[in-house]
C-alpha atoms as a PDB file:
ATOM      1  CA  MET A   1     -26.540   3.477   4.432  1.00  0.00           C
ATOM      2  CA  THR A   2     -23.293   4.702   6.330  1.00  0.00           C
ATOM      3  CA  ALA A   3     -20.281   1.785   6.832  1.00  0.00           C
ATOM      4  CA  PHE A   4     -21.586   1.334  10.615  1.00  0.00           C
ATOM      5  CA  GLU A   5     -25.641   1.036   9.595  1.00  0.00           C
ATOM      6  CA  LYS A   6     -24.295  -2.019   7.179  1.00  0.00           C
ATOM      7  CA  ILE A   7     -22.429  -3.729   9.565  1.00  0.00           C
ATOM      8  CA  THR A   8     -25.329  -3.654  12.363  1.00  0.00           C
ATOM      9  CA  ALA A   9     -27.633  -5.365   9.469  1.00  0.00           C
ATOM     10  CA  GLN A  10     -25.317  -7.819   8.979  1.00  0.00           C
ATOM     11  CA  GLN A  11     -24.500  -8.526  12.591  1.00  0.00           C
ATOM     12  CA  GLY A  12     -27.808 -10.682  13.344  1.00  0.00           C
ATOM     13  CA  GLU A  13     -27.981 -11.983  16.918  1.00  0.00           C
ATOM     14  CA  GLU A  14     -26.104 -10.042  19.705  1.00  0.00           C
ATOM     15  CA  GLY A  15     -23.353 -12.264  20.962  1.00  0.00           C
ATOM     16  CA  THR A  16     -22.883 -14.591  18.102  1.00  0.00           C
ATOM     17  CA  PRO A  17     -19.065 -14.752  16.333  1.00  0.00           C
ATOM     18  CA  VAL A  18     -20.631 -12.956  13.668  1.00  0.00           C
ATOM     19  CA  TRP A  19     -21.899 -10.003  15.563  1.00  0.00           C
ATOM     20  CA  MET A  20     -18.676  -9.670  17.859  1.00  0.00           C
ATOM     21  CA  VAL A  21     -16.815  -9.472  14.120  1.00  0.00           C
ATOM     22  CA  GLY A  22     -19.127  -6.495  13.418  1.00  0.00           C
ATOM     23  CA  GLU A  23     -18.495  -4.929  16.651  1.00  0.00           C
ATOM     24  CA  GLN A  24     -14.503  -5.218  16.413  1.00  0.00           C
ATOM     25  CA  LEU A  25     -14.802  -4.008  12.564  1.00  0.00           C
ATOM     26  CA  LYS A  26     -17.167  -0.610  13.777  1.00  0.00           C
ATOM     27  CA  ASP A  27     -14.256  -0.148  16.552  1.00  0.00           C
ATOM     28  CA  MET A  28     -11.682  -0.231  14.312  1.00  0.00           C
ATOM     29  CA  ILE A  29     -13.443   1.901  11.625  1.00  0.00           C
ATOM     30  CA  ARG A  30     -14.623   4.968  14.034  1.00  0.00           C
ATOM     31  CA  ASP A  31     -12.080   6.759  13.553  1.00  0.00           C
ATOM     32  CA  CYS A  32     -10.478   6.083  10.073  1.00  0.00           C
ATOM     33  CA  PRO A  33     -12.783   7.816   7.409  1.00  0.00           C
ATOM     34  CA  GLY A  34     -10.778   5.985   4.835  1.00  0.00           C
ATOM     35  CA  TRP A  35     -11.439   3.001   6.074  1.00  0.00           C
ATOM     36  CA  GLN A  36     -15.125   3.546   6.432  1.00  0.00           C
ATOM     37  CA  GLU A  37     -15.212   3.917   3.069  1.00  0.00           C
ATOM     38  CA  LEU A  38     -13.701   0.574   1.951  1.00  0.00           C
ATOM     39  CA  VAL A  39     -15.798  -1.291   4.299  1.00  0.00           C
ATOM     40  CA  ASP A  40     -18.741   0.982   3.000  1.00  0.00           C
ATOM     41  CA  GLN A  41     -18.117  -0.652  -0.342  1.00  0.00           C
ATOM     42  CA  ASP A  42     -16.709  -4.057   0.168  1.00  0.00           C
ATOM     43  CA  LEU A  43     -20.048  -4.785   2.708  1.00  0.00           C
ATOM     44  CA  GLU A  44     -22.041  -4.275  -1.036  1.00  0.00           C
ATOM     45  CA  ASN A  45     -20.240  -7.578  -1.955  1.00  0.00           C
ATOM     46  CA  GLU A  46     -21.466 -10.834  -0.844  1.00  0.00           C
ATOM     47  CA  SER A  47     -17.909 -12.750  -0.487  1.00  0.00           C
ATOM     48  CA  MET A  48     -17.286  -9.615   1.827  1.00  0.00           C
ATOM     49  CA  SER A  49     -19.758  -9.976   4.036  1.00  0.00           C
ATOM     50  CA  LEU A  50     -19.246 -10.309   7.886  1.00  0.00           C
ATOM     51  CA  VAL A  51     -20.430 -13.876   7.333  1.00  0.00           C
ATOM     52  CA  GLU A  52     -17.280 -14.169   5.479  1.00  0.00           C
ATOM     53  CA  CYS A  53     -14.795 -12.322   7.487  1.00  0.00           C
ATOM     54  CA  GLU A  54     -15.923 -14.340  10.567  1.00  0.00           C
ATOM     55  CA  LYS A  55     -15.039 -17.903   8.121  1.00  0.00           C
ATOM     56  CA  LYS A  56     -11.717 -16.158   8.308  1.00  0.00           C
ATOM     57  CA  LEU A  57     -11.476 -15.878  12.029  1.00  0.00           C
ATOM     58  CA  LYS A  58     -12.852 -19.494  12.415  1.00  0.00           C
ATOM     59  CA  ALA A  59     -10.759 -21.019  10.370  1.00  0.00           C
ATOM     60  CA  TYR A  60      -7.700 -19.191  11.906  1.00  0.00           C
ATOM     61  CA  ALA A  61      -9.012 -20.571  15.620  1.00  0.00           C
ATOM     62  CA  ASP A  62      -9.435 -24.132  14.226  1.00  0.00           C
ATOM     63  CA  LYS A  63      -5.906 -24.413  12.891  1.00  0.00           C
ATOM     64  CA  HIS A  64      -4.765 -23.109  15.939  1.00  0.00           C
ATOM     65  CA  LYS A  65      -6.834 -25.062  18.340  1.00  0.00           C
ATOM     66  CA  LYS A  66      -5.201 -26.270  21.116  1.00  0.00           C
ATOM     67  CA  ASN A  67      -6.358 -29.436  24.055  1.00  0.00           C
ATOM     68  CA  GLY A  68      -9.778 -28.812  22.106  1.00  0.00           C
ATOM     69  CA  PHE A  69      -9.764 -25.089  22.647  1.00  0.00           C
ATOM     70  CA  ALA A  70     -10.218 -22.398  20.165  1.00  0.00           C
ATOM     71  CA  CYS A  71      -9.576 -18.613  20.532  1.00  0.00           C
ATOM     72  CA  VAL A  72      -8.327 -15.823  18.536  1.00  0.00           C
ATOM     73  CA  VAL A  73      -6.693 -12.841  20.550  1.00  0.00           C
ATOM     74  CA  PRO A  74      -8.353  -9.599  19.593  1.00  0.00           C
ATOM     75  CA  SER A  75      -4.887  -8.122  17.975  1.00  0.00           C
ATOM     76  CA  VAL A  76      -4.667 -11.570  15.851  1.00  0.00           C
ATOM     77  CA  ALA A  77      -8.375 -10.673  14.792  1.00  0.00           C
ATOM     78  CA  GLU A  78      -7.588  -7.099  14.323  1.00  0.00           C
ATOM     79  CA  LYS A  79      -4.850  -8.180  11.985  1.00  0.00           C
ATOM     80  CA  ILE A  80      -7.208 -11.036   9.819  1.00  0.00           C
ATOM     81  CA  ILE A  81      -9.864  -8.229   9.722  1.00  0.00           C
ATOM     82  CA  ARG A  82      -7.356  -5.716   8.407  1.00  0.00           C
ATOM     83  CA  ASP A  83      -6.564  -8.181   5.910  1.00  0.00           C
ATOM     84  CA  PHE A  84      -9.766  -9.102   4.630  1.00  0.00           C
ATOM     85  CA  TYR A  85     -11.180  -5.884   4.056  1.00  0.00           C
ATOM     86  CA  GLY A  86      -7.604  -4.111   3.192  1.00  0.00           C
ATOM     87  CA  LEU A  87      -7.255  -1.933   5.407  1.00  0.00           C
ATOM     88  CA  THR A  88      -3.569  -0.686   4.947  1.00  0.00           C
ATOM     89  CA  ASP A  89      -2.214   2.332   6.997  1.00  0.00           C
ATOM     90  CA  GLU A  90      -2.309   4.426   3.630  1.00  0.00           C
ATOM     91  CA  ALA A  91      -6.098   3.915   3.655  1.00  0.00           C
ATOM     92  CA  ARG A  92      -6.473   4.937   7.055  1.00  0.00           C
ATOM     93  CA  GLY A  93      -7.654   8.793   5.831  1.00  0.00           C
ATOM     94  CA  ALA A  94      -6.081  12.382   6.946  1.00  0.00           C
ATOM     95  CA  LYS A  95      -6.858  11.662  10.532  1.00  0.00           C
ATOM     96  CA  HIS A  96      -4.264   9.178  10.624  1.00  0.00           C
ATOM     97  CA  GLY A  97      -1.044  10.221   8.551  1.00  0.00           C
ATOM     98  CA  GLY A  98      -2.837  11.438   5.249  1.00  0.00           C
ATOM     99  CA  GLY A  99      -2.752  15.250   6.128  1.00  0.00           C
ATOM    100  CA  ASN A 100      -0.357  17.679   5.403  1.00  0.00           C
ATOM    101  CA  ILE A 101       3.524  17.823   7.863  1.00  0.00           C
ATOM    102  CA  ILE A 102       3.509  20.616  10.267  1.00  0.00           C
ATOM    103  CA  ASN A 103       6.724  21.688  11.816  1.00  0.00           C
ATOM    104  CA  LEU A 104       6.487  23.273  14.975  1.00  0.00           C
ATOM    105  CA  ALA A 105       9.646  25.409  14.381  1.00  0.00           C
ATOM    106  CA  ASP A 106       7.395  27.801  11.827  1.00  0.00           C
ATOM    107  CA  PHE A 107       5.149  28.908  15.162  1.00  0.00           C
ATOM    108  CA  PHE A 108       8.220  30.319  17.080  1.00  0.00           C
END
């Protein structure tokens, strides 16, 4: 199974909080082979499941609730998800800076 298949398998019913976490995670790792590898490995561990990740987002929302309303904006959700799965810039893969540096002057 790929990371995307594992995410889909763990998402459950469409529109639920866990499903939404899965959709955001798929978007985040789509172009990052290094992140796909990390998520693929992490999702084998029950303590790293989408359900557990969603609990972190809910805890943040509950802690920052105002006037009975709880929300996690996408940028904060991405940070929480990245922290949960260890998705660092260094782990992104070659497409995002892991390759060689090209000096354009070499082509002139």
